[in-house]
Amino acid sequence: MDPINIIAKMSAGTFSDVMSVSRRQVREILFAQLGIKSKSKSLLKNLQQKKEERIAALHDSLKHASSKRDADICRELIRSWLYTKRPLLKSALDYLNVPNDDGLIEIEPTVFGELSKEKATSLYDHLCKDFDKEHVAIYLEFMETKNLSL
């Protein structure tokens, strides 16, 4: 699983959602470490527009990242965001008969990597009935689902 590639493929809206669930302190550290500032110095521009500009710049920066540190950052951003998608996680785990507590499990399951093409496609189709296709694709890629071409 390549977390940088997952981030790179995310739509701007989904990446904004990923960042919105991150603590402000985490966002500010990322902005500072990557030298991302609001392009506009205008006092008239509202704070939301400045925040959106910075998030877009962060997304662009992470799309072209290559270091292990950047990959770790991307992995944690995705993991934190997925934690807020527990109904999706629960639905997938229930479909695969993996015991879980409302989408949470004690250890990383290996079942995703062992799925046949038919089972992986069936899982994807099942999840897309109730959840955003992009979110489903991100989750399944993050879980290293094999035999699934999206």
C-alpha atoms as a PDB file:
ATOM      1  CA  MET A   1       0.000   0.000   0.000  1.00  0.00           C
ATOM      2  CA  ASP A   2       1.349   3.356  -1.042  1.00  0.00           C
ATOM      3  CA  PRO A   3      -0.277   6.049   1.121  1.00  0.00           C
ATOM      4  CA  ILE A   4       1.213   8.859  -0.974  1.00  0.00           C
ATOM      5  CA  ASN A   5      -0.433   7.393  -4.065  1.00  0.00           C
ATOM      6  CA  ILE A   6      -3.753   7.125  -2.223  1.00  0.00           C
ATOM      7  CA  ILE A   7      -3.530  10.800  -1.232  1.00  0.00           C
ATOM      8  CA  ALA A   8      -2.490  11.755  -4.786  1.00  0.00           C
ATOM      9  CA  LYS A   9      -5.573  10.066  -6.256  1.00  0.00           C
ATOM     10  CA  MET A  10      -7.986  11.673  -3.780  1.00  0.00           C
ATOM     11  CA  SER A  11     -10.352  14.320  -5.034  1.00  0.00           C
ATOM     12  CA  ALA A  12      -9.895  17.789  -3.584  1.00  0.00           C
ATOM     13  CA  GLY A  13     -13.159  17.408  -1.681  1.00  0.00           C
ATOM     14  CA  THR A  14     -12.153  14.140  -0.053  1.00  0.00           C
ATOM     15  CA  PHE A  15      -8.717  15.490   0.864  1.00  0.00           C
ATOM     16  CA  SER A  16     -10.407  18.518   2.426  1.00  0.00           C
ATOM     17  CA  ASP A  17     -12.577  16.089   4.411  1.00  0.00           C
ATOM     18  CA  VAL A  18      -9.444  14.179   5.480  1.00  0.00           C
ATOM     19  CA  MET A  19      -7.891  17.410   6.719  1.00  0.00           C
ATOM     20  CA  SER A  20     -11.069  18.582   8.443  1.00  0.00           C
ATOM     21  CA  VAL A  21     -10.973  15.585  10.782  1.00  0.00           C
ATOM     22  CA  SER A  22      -7.327  16.238  11.651  1.00  0.00           C
ATOM     23  CA  ARG A  23      -6.688  18.273  14.759  1.00  0.00           C
ATOM     24  CA  ARG A  24      -5.866  21.911  14.087  1.00  0.00           C
ATOM     25  CA  GLN A  25      -2.468  21.493  15.719  1.00  0.00           C
ATOM     26  CA  VAL A  26      -1.615  18.663  13.302  1.00  0.00           C
ATOM     27  CA  ARG A  27      -2.698  20.748  10.313  1.00  0.00           C
ATOM     28  CA  GLU A  28      -0.664  23.754  11.455  1.00  0.00           C
ATOM     29  CA  ILE A  29       2.447  21.610  11.987  1.00  0.00           C
ATOM     30  CA  LEU A  30       2.088  20.180   8.472  1.00  0.00           C
ATOM     31  CA  PHE A  31       1.599  23.631   6.974  1.00  0.00           C
ATOM     32  CA  ALA A  32       4.662  24.940   8.822  1.00  0.00           C
ATOM     33  CA  GLN A  33       6.899  21.964   7.980  1.00  0.00           C
ATOM     34  CA  LEU A  34       6.020  22.168   4.305  1.00  0.00           C
ATOM     35  CA  GLY A  35       6.200  25.966   4.184  1.00  0.00           C
ATOM     36  CA  ILE A  36       2.573  26.382   3.160  1.00  0.00           C
ATOM     37  CA  LYS A  37       1.129  29.822   3.685  1.00  0.00           C
ATOM     38  CA  SER A  38      -1.987  31.479   2.401  1.00  0.00           C
ATOM     39  CA  LYS A  39      -1.261  33.097  -0.959  1.00  0.00           C
ATOM     40  CA  SER A  40      -3.509  36.008  -0.242  1.00  0.00           C
ATOM     41  CA  LYS A  41      -2.532  38.662   2.254  1.00  0.00           C
ATOM     42  CA  SER A  42      -5.894  40.350   1.878  1.00  0.00           C
ATOM     43  CA  LEU A  43      -7.737  41.065   5.074  1.00  0.00           C
ATOM     44  CA  LEU A  44     -10.949  40.936   3.089  1.00  0.00           C
ATOM     45  CA  LYS A  45     -10.566  37.287   2.215  1.00  0.00           C
ATOM     46  CA  ASN A  46     -12.374  35.220   4.781  1.00  0.00           C
ATOM     47  CA  LEU A  47     -10.660  32.627   6.925  1.00  0.00           C
ATOM     48  CA  GLN A  48     -12.442  29.719   5.228  1.00  0.00           C
ATOM     49  CA  GLN A  49     -11.044  30.704   1.831  1.00  0.00           C
ATOM     50  CA  LYS A  50      -7.533  30.951   3.275  1.00  0.00           C
ATOM     51  CA  LYS A  51      -7.935  27.543   4.933  1.00  0.00           C
ATOM     52  CA  GLU A  52      -9.108  26.020   1.637  1.00  0.00           C
ATOM     53  CA  GLU A  53      -6.100  27.515  -0.192  1.00  0.00           C
ATOM     54  CA  ARG A  54      -3.700  26.051   2.353  1.00  0.00           C
ATOM     55  CA  ILE A  55      -5.363  22.633   2.225  1.00  0.00           C
ATOM     56  CA  ALA A  56      -5.182  22.635  -1.584  1.00  0.00           C
ATOM     57  CA  ALA A  57      -1.475  23.555  -1.393  1.00  0.00           C
ATOM     58  CA  LEU A  58      -0.879  20.778   1.150  1.00  0.00           C
ATOM     59  CA  HIS A  59      -2.668  18.279  -1.090  1.00  0.00           C
ATOM     60  CA  ASP A  60      -0.511  19.335  -4.028  1.00  0.00           C
ATOM     61  CA  SER A  61       2.642  19.048  -1.922  1.00  0.00           C
ATOM     62  CA  LEU A  62       1.760  15.565  -0.643  1.00  0.00           C
ATOM     63  CA  LYS A  63       0.879  14.375  -4.169  1.00  0.00           C
ATOM     64  CA  HIS A  64       4.525  14.863  -5.083  1.00  0.00           C
ATOM     65  CA  ALA A  65       6.040  13.658  -1.820  1.00  0.00           C
ATOM     66  CA  SER A  66       8.522  10.824  -1.805  1.00  0.00           C
ATOM     67  CA  SER A  67      10.149  10.429   1.596  1.00  0.00           C
ATOM     68  CA  LYS A  68       9.348   7.786   4.195  1.00  0.00           C
ATOM     69  CA  ARG A  69       8.366  10.591   6.569  1.00  0.00           C
ATOM     70  CA  ASP A  70       5.858  11.918   4.027  1.00  0.00           C
ATOM     71  CA  ALA A  71       4.470   8.406   3.505  1.00  0.00           C
ATOM     72  CA  ASP A  72       4.045   8.049   7.272  1.00  0.00           C
ATOM     73  CA  ILE A  73       2.216  11.390   7.403  1.00  0.00           C
ATOM     74  CA  CYS A  74      -0.104  10.314   4.576  1.00  0.00           C
ATOM     75  CA  ARG A  75      -0.734   6.947   6.246  1.00  0.00           C
ATOM     76  CA  GLU A  76      -1.724   8.613   9.527  1.00  0.00           C
ATOM     77  CA  LEU A  77      -3.942  11.183   7.806  1.00  0.00           C
ATOM     78  CA  ILE A  78      -5.793   8.382   6.012  1.00  0.00           C
ATOM     79  CA  ARG A  79      -6.007   6.248   9.164  1.00  0.00           C
ATOM     80  CA  SER A  80      -7.479   9.140  11.182  1.00  0.00           C
ATOM     81  CA  TRP A  81      -9.994   9.891   8.440  1.00  0.00           C
ATOM     82  CA  LEU A  82     -11.027   6.254   8.137  1.00  0.00           C
ATOM     83  CA  TYR A  83     -11.696   6.208  11.881  1.00  0.00           C
ATOM     84  CA  THR A  84     -14.539   8.656  11.165  1.00  0.00           C
ATOM     85  CA  LYS A  85     -15.912   6.263   8.514  1.00  0.00           C
ATOM     86  CA  ARG A  86     -16.749   3.495  10.951  1.00  0.00           C
ATOM     87  CA  PRO A  87     -20.059   2.544   9.305  1.00  0.00           C
ATOM     88  CA  LEU A  88     -18.073   1.792   6.122  1.00  0.00           C
ATOM     89  CA  LEU A  89     -15.497  -0.211   8.059  1.00  0.00           C
ATOM     90  CA  LYS A  90     -18.205  -2.133   9.926  1.00  0.00           C
ATOM     91  CA  SER A  91     -20.069  -2.954   6.734  1.00  0.00           C
ATOM     92  CA  ALA A  92     -16.905  -4.299   5.088  1.00  0.00           C
ATOM     93  CA  LEU A  93     -15.840  -6.336   8.109  1.00  0.00           C
ATOM     94  CA  ASP A  94     -19.348  -7.730   8.632  1.00  0.00           C
ATOM     95  CA  TYR A  95     -19.524  -8.691   4.951  1.00  0.00           C
ATOM     96  CA  LEU A  96     -16.236 -10.578   5.347  1.00  0.00           C
ATOM     97  CA  ASN A  97     -17.368 -12.127   8.667  1.00  0.00           C
ATOM     98  CA  VAL A  98     -14.542 -10.446  10.591  1.00  0.00           C
ATOM     99  CA  PRO A  99     -15.499  -9.902  14.249  1.00  0.00           C
ATOM    100  CA  ASN A 100     -15.454  -6.179  15.014  1.00  0.00           C
ATOM    101  CA  ASP A 101     -16.673  -3.583  17.474  1.00  0.00           C
ATOM    102  CA  ASP A 102     -18.572  -1.093  15.316  1.00  0.00           C
ATOM    103  CA  GLY A 103     -15.881  -1.242  12.636  1.00  0.00           C
ATOM    104  CA  LEU A 104     -12.923  -1.431  14.990  1.00  0.00           C
ATOM    105  CA  ILE A 105     -10.705  -4.468  15.455  1.00  0.00           C
ATOM    106  CA  GLU A 106      -7.727  -5.299  17.641  1.00  0.00           C
ATOM    107  CA  ILE A 107      -5.319  -6.262  14.859  1.00  0.00           C
ATOM    108  CA  GLU A 108      -5.020  -5.492  11.153  1.00  0.00           C
ATOM    109  CA  PRO A 109      -6.925  -8.188   9.250  1.00  0.00           C
ATOM    110  CA  THR A 110      -5.152 -10.107   6.507  1.00  0.00           C
ATOM    111  CA  VAL A 111      -8.409 -11.159   4.879  1.00  0.00           C
ATOM    112  CA  PHE A 112      -8.383  -8.215   2.436  1.00  0.00           C
ATOM    113  CA  GLY A 113      -5.141  -9.403   0.890  1.00  0.00           C
ATOM    114  CA  GLU A 114      -6.500 -12.931   0.521  1.00  0.00           C
ATOM    115  CA  LEU A 115      -9.694 -12.128  -1.394  1.00  0.00           C
ATOM    116  CA  SER A 116     -10.333 -13.676  -4.772  1.00  0.00           C
ATOM    117  CA  LYS A 117     -11.134 -11.325  -7.634  1.00  0.00           C
ATOM    118  CA  GLU A 118     -14.812 -12.293  -7.413  1.00  0.00           C
ATOM    119  CA  LYS A 119     -15.004 -11.742  -3.648  1.00  0.00           C
ATOM    120  CA  ALA A 120     -13.109  -8.428  -3.857  1.00  0.00           C
ATOM    121  CA  THR A 121     -15.422  -7.186  -6.605  1.00  0.00           C
ATOM    122  CA  SER A 122     -18.453  -8.382  -4.673  1.00  0.00           C
ATOM    123  CA  LEU A 123     -17.252  -6.538  -1.555  1.00  0.00           C
ATOM    124  CA  TYR A 124     -16.667  -3.345  -3.556  1.00  0.00           C
ATOM    125  CA  ASP A 125     -20.137  -3.545  -5.135  1.00  0.00           C
ATOM    126  CA  HIS A 126     -21.733  -4.263  -1.752  1.00  0.00           C
ATOM    127  CA  LEU A 127     -20.076  -1.244  -0.116  1.00  0.00           C
ATOM    128  CA  CYS A 128     -20.832   1.111  -3.016  1.00  0.00           C
ATOM    129  CA  LYS A 129     -24.559   0.574  -2.475  1.00  0.00           C
ATOM    130  CA  ASP A 130     -24.381   2.564   0.772  1.00  0.00           C
ATOM    131  CA  PHE A 131     -21.135   4.546   0.645  1.00  0.00           C
ATOM    132  CA  ASP A 132     -19.293   6.966  -1.607  1.00  0.00           C
ATOM    133  CA  LYS A 133     -17.354   5.051  -4.287  1.00  0.00           C
ATOM    134  CA  GLU A 134     -14.213   7.085  -3.759  1.00  0.00           C
ATOM    135  CA  HIS A 135     -14.285   6.418  -0.010  1.00  0.00           C
ATOM    136  CA  VAL A 136     -14.788   2.694  -0.633  1.00  0.00           C
ATOM    137  CA  ALA A 137     -11.865   2.626  -3.070  1.00  0.00           C
ATOM    138  CA  ILE A 138      -9.609   4.461  -0.609  1.00  0.00           C
ATOM    139  CA  TYR A 139     -10.515   2.080   2.212  1.00  0.00           C
ATOM    140  CA  LEU A 140      -9.989  -1.051   0.146  1.00  0.00           C
ATOM    141  CA  GLU A 141      -6.669   0.192  -1.209  1.00  0.00           C
ATOM    142  CA  PHE A 142      -5.548   1.221   2.278  1.00  0.00           C
ATOM    143  CA  MET A 143      -6.415  -2.284   3.496  1.00  0.00           C
ATOM    144  CA  GLU A 144      -4.273  -3.708   0.680  1.00  0.00           C
ATOM    145  CA  THR A 145      -7.139  -5.500  -1.019  1.00  0.00           C
ATOM    146  CA  LYS A 146      -5.736  -7.727  -3.725  1.00  0.00           C
ATOM    147  CA  ASN A 147      -7.365  -8.704  -7.004  1.00  0.00           C
ATOM    148  CA  LEU A 148      -9.407  -5.518  -7.298  1.00  0.00           C
ATOM    149  CA  SER A 149      -9.030  -3.178 -10.258  1.00  0.00           C
ATOM    150  CA  LEU A 150     -10.641   0.193  -9.764  1.00  0.00           C
END
